[in-house]
Amino acid sequence: MLMNFDELNKFSKELKRLRKKYKSLPDDLKEFQAVISITPLGNSKHFNVITQTENLHIIKARLFCRYLKGSSLRVIYSYSEREQQIIFVEVYFKGDKENEDRSRIKEHLSNYCN
């Protein structure tokens, strides 16, 4: 079964802003999607399941960006095994922001579960 990808509106806005700064980001995100469509929960120490419910996993992962040369971005996404769906929740540069937006994750969980 094919993996379905979607993104929150806030993620789209962040991606658009970061894309102006990091030109390789669209291609890097496509490569990342190819990896997580095969191993949605990750395959290395660069993936961390930060929240888990019966039907949904919230994962924080490093998103390699060629433009950054050694540094990386962070991406938060949810994975539903039952629906074979990945929803991108947040993307940010680790140098600008230390941690993920917990309130956005909680909001996504409550919207998903209702």
C-alpha atoms as a PDB file:
ATOM      1  CA  MET A   1       0.000   0.000   0.000  1.00  0.00           C
ATOM      2  CA  LEU A   2       1.271   3.458  -0.900  1.00  0.00           C
ATOM      3  CA  MET A   3       2.033   6.018   1.761  1.00  0.00           C
ATOM      4  CA  ASN A   4      -0.088   9.177   1.650  1.00  0.00           C
ATOM      5  CA  PHE A   5       1.550  12.489   2.537  1.00  0.00           C
ATOM      6  CA  ASP A   6      -0.150  15.634   3.783  1.00  0.00           C
ATOM      7  CA  GLU A   7       0.878  18.699   5.754  1.00  0.00           C
ATOM      8  CA  LEU A   8      -0.650  21.165   8.170  1.00  0.00           C
ATOM      9  CA  ASN A   9      -1.132  24.758   6.991  1.00  0.00           C
ATOM     10  CA  LYS A  10       1.435  25.988   9.528  1.00  0.00           C
ATOM     11  CA  PHE A  11       3.950  23.493   8.156  1.00  0.00           C
ATOM     12  CA  SER A  12       3.331  24.784   4.618  1.00  0.00           C
ATOM     13  CA  LYS A  13       4.002  28.354   5.742  1.00  0.00           C
ATOM     14  CA  GLU A  14       7.201  27.358   7.567  1.00  0.00           C
ATOM     15  CA  LEU A  15       8.367  25.377   4.560  1.00  0.00           C
ATOM     16  CA  LYS A  16       7.730  28.307   2.236  1.00  0.00           C
ATOM     17  CA  ARG A  17       9.729  30.637   4.510  1.00  0.00           C
ATOM     18  CA  LEU A  18      12.623  28.183   4.900  1.00  0.00           C
ATOM     19  CA  ARG A  19      12.652  27.371   1.183  1.00  0.00           C
ATOM     20  CA  LYS A  20      13.654  30.966   0.445  1.00  0.00           C
ATOM     21  CA  LYS A  21      16.650  30.588   2.743  1.00  0.00           C
ATOM     22  CA  TYR A  22      17.649  26.992   1.918  1.00  0.00           C
ATOM     23  CA  LYS A  23      17.336  26.421  -1.836  1.00  0.00           C
ATOM     24  CA  SER A  24      17.844  22.640  -1.721  1.00  0.00           C
ATOM     25  CA  LEU A  25      14.982  22.111   0.750  1.00  0.00           C
ATOM     26  CA  PRO A  26      12.278  20.955  -1.736  1.00  0.00           C
ATOM     27  CA  ASP A  27      14.560  18.216  -3.108  1.00  0.00           C
ATOM     28  CA  ASP A  28      15.786  17.300   0.375  1.00  0.00           C
ATOM     29  CA  LEU A  29      12.191  16.908   1.561  1.00  0.00           C
ATOM     30  CA  LYS A  30      11.404  14.614  -1.410  1.00  0.00           C
ATOM     31  CA  GLU A  31      14.363  12.415  -0.464  1.00  0.00           C
ATOM     32  CA  PHE A  32      13.174  12.386   3.150  1.00  0.00           C
ATOM     33  CA  GLN A  33       9.680  11.345   2.005  1.00  0.00           C
ATOM     34  CA  ALA A  34      11.189   8.456   0.042  1.00  0.00           C
ATOM     35  CA  VAL A  35      12.995   7.248   3.180  1.00  0.00           C
ATOM     36  CA  ILE A  36      10.025   7.503   5.538  1.00  0.00           C
ATOM     37  CA  SER A  37       7.639   5.912   3.046  1.00  0.00           C
ATOM     38  CA  ILE A  38       9.768   2.763   3.460  1.00  0.00           C
ATOM     39  CA  THR A  39      10.545   3.088   7.191  1.00  0.00           C
ATOM     40  CA  PRO A  40       7.970   5.496   8.676  1.00  0.00           C
ATOM     41  CA  LEU A  41       9.271   5.185  12.240  1.00  0.00           C
ATOM     42  CA  GLY A  42      12.832   5.834  11.140  1.00  0.00           C
ATOM     43  CA  ASN A  43      15.901   3.707  10.769  1.00  0.00           C
ATOM     44  CA  SER A  44      18.577   5.440  12.816  1.00  0.00           C
ATOM     45  CA  LYS A  45      19.329   7.519  15.876  1.00  0.00           C
ATOM     46  CA  HIS A  46      18.110  10.581  13.963  1.00  0.00           C
ATOM     47  CA  PHE A  47      14.472   9.549  14.466  1.00  0.00           C
ATOM     48  CA  ASN A  48      12.698   9.778  17.812  1.00  0.00           C
ATOM     49  CA  VAL A  49       9.090   8.804  18.573  1.00  0.00           C
ATOM     50  CA  ILE A  50       8.044  11.618  20.917  1.00  0.00           C
ATOM     51  CA  THR A  51       4.358  10.718  21.349  1.00  0.00           C
ATOM     52  CA  GLN A  52       2.420   7.571  20.663  1.00  0.00           C
ATOM     53  CA  THR A  53      -1.270   6.744  20.813  1.00  0.00           C
ATOM     54  CA  GLU A  54      -3.084   3.608  19.752  1.00  0.00           C
ATOM     55  CA  ASN A  55      -3.372   4.795  16.145  1.00  0.00           C
ATOM     56  CA  LEU A  56      -0.776   7.520  15.760  1.00  0.00           C
ATOM     57  CA  HIS A  57       2.964   8.047  16.218  1.00  0.00           C
ATOM     58  CA  ILE A  58       4.478  11.537  16.410  1.00  0.00           C
ATOM     59  CA  ILE A  59       8.081  11.447  15.243  1.00  0.00           C
ATOM     60  CA  LYS A  60      10.828  14.053  15.441  1.00  0.00           C
ATOM     61  CA  ALA A  61      13.567  13.572  12.869  1.00  0.00           C
ATOM     62  CA  ARG A  62      16.619  15.267  11.457  1.00  0.00           C
ATOM     63  CA  LEU A  63      16.049  16.498   7.936  1.00  0.00           C
ATOM     64  CA  PHE A  64      19.349  16.705   6.122  1.00  0.00           C
ATOM     65  CA  CYS A  65      19.635  19.858   4.021  1.00  0.00           C
ATOM     66  CA  ARG A  66      22.443  20.020   1.446  1.00  0.00           C
ATOM     67  CA  TYR A  67      22.388  23.798   1.600  1.00  0.00           C
ATOM     68  CA  LEU A  68      23.299  23.759   5.307  1.00  0.00           C
ATOM     69  CA  LYS A  69      26.446  21.622   4.842  1.00  0.00           C
ATOM     70  CA  GLY A  70      26.573  19.690   8.089  1.00  0.00           C
ATOM     71  CA  SER A  71      23.747  21.298  10.031  1.00  0.00           C
ATOM     72  CA  SER A  72      20.240  20.026   9.663  1.00  0.00           C
ATOM     73  CA  LEU A  73      16.621  20.928  10.082  1.00  0.00           C
ATOM     74  CA  ARG A  74      14.127  19.203  12.337  1.00  0.00           C
ATOM     75  CA  VAL A  75      10.835  17.885  11.071  1.00  0.00           C
ATOM     76  CA  ILE A  76       7.911  16.683  13.168  1.00  0.00           C
ATOM     77  CA  TYR A  77       5.423  14.365  11.508  1.00  0.00           C
ATOM     78  CA  SER A  78       2.631  12.028  12.467  1.00  0.00           C
ATOM     79  CA  TYR A  79       2.325   8.515  11.127  1.00  0.00           C
ATOM     80  CA  SER A  80      -0.862   6.476  11.058  1.00  0.00           C
ATOM     81  CA  GLU A  81      -0.127   2.831  10.300  1.00  0.00           C
ATOM     82  CA  ARG A  82      -3.796   1.998   9.868  1.00  0.00           C
ATOM     83  CA  GLU A  83      -4.350   4.715   7.257  1.00  0.00           C
ATOM     84  CA  GLN A  84      -0.824   4.573   5.801  1.00  0.00           C
ATOM     85  CA  GLN A  85      -0.644   8.347   6.138  1.00  0.00           C
ATOM     86  CA  ILE A  86       2.101  10.762   7.136  1.00  0.00           C
ATOM     87  CA  ILE A  87       1.189  14.328   8.047  1.00  0.00           C
ATOM     88  CA  PHE A  88       3.962  16.888   8.367  1.00  0.00           C
ATOM     89  CA  VAL A  89       3.345  18.995  11.480  1.00  0.00           C
ATOM     90  CA  GLU A  90       6.384  21.264  11.871  1.00  0.00           C
ATOM     91  CA  VAL A  91       9.758  22.064  10.315  1.00  0.00           C
ATOM     92  CA  TYR A  92      12.421  24.299  11.843  1.00  0.00           C
ATOM     93  CA  PHE A  93      16.136  25.041  11.869  1.00  0.00           C
ATOM     94  CA  LYS A  94      17.736  23.776  15.069  1.00  0.00           C
ATOM     95  CA  GLY A  95      19.875  26.933  15.302  1.00  0.00           C
ATOM     96  CA  ASP A  96      16.770  29.155  15.435  1.00  0.00           C
ATOM     97  CA  LYS A  97      14.572  27.066  17.700  1.00  0.00           C
ATOM     98  CA  GLU A  98      15.631  24.548  20.331  1.00  0.00           C
ATOM     99  CA  ASN A  99      12.506  22.380  20.626  1.00  0.00           C
ATOM    100  CA  GLU A 100       9.331  21.451  18.822  1.00  0.00           C
ATOM    101  CA  ASP A 101       6.044  23.300  19.344  1.00  0.00           C
ATOM    102  CA  ARG A 102       4.324  21.051  21.903  1.00  0.00           C
ATOM    103  CA  SER A 103       1.042  22.968  21.705  1.00  0.00           C
ATOM    104  CA  ARG A 104       0.868  22.372  17.944  1.00  0.00           C
ATOM    105  CA  ILE A 105       1.463  18.658  18.469  1.00  0.00           C
ATOM    106  CA  LYS A 106      -1.280  18.507  21.120  1.00  0.00           C
ATOM    107  CA  GLU A 107      -3.642  20.387  18.813  1.00  0.00           C
ATOM    108  CA  HIS A 108      -2.875  17.976  15.965  1.00  0.00           C
ATOM    109  CA  LEU A 109      -3.463  14.985  18.241  1.00  0.00           C
ATOM    110  CA  SER A 110      -6.803  16.334  19.455  1.00  0.00           C
ATOM    111  CA  ASN A 111      -7.923  17.121  15.883  1.00  0.00           C
ATOM    112  CA  TYR A 112      -6.827  13.705  14.675  1.00  0.00           C
ATOM    113  CA  CYS A 113      -8.502  11.791  17.492  1.00  0.00           C
ATOM    114  CA  ASN A 114     -11.832  13.626  17.116  1.00  0.00           C
END
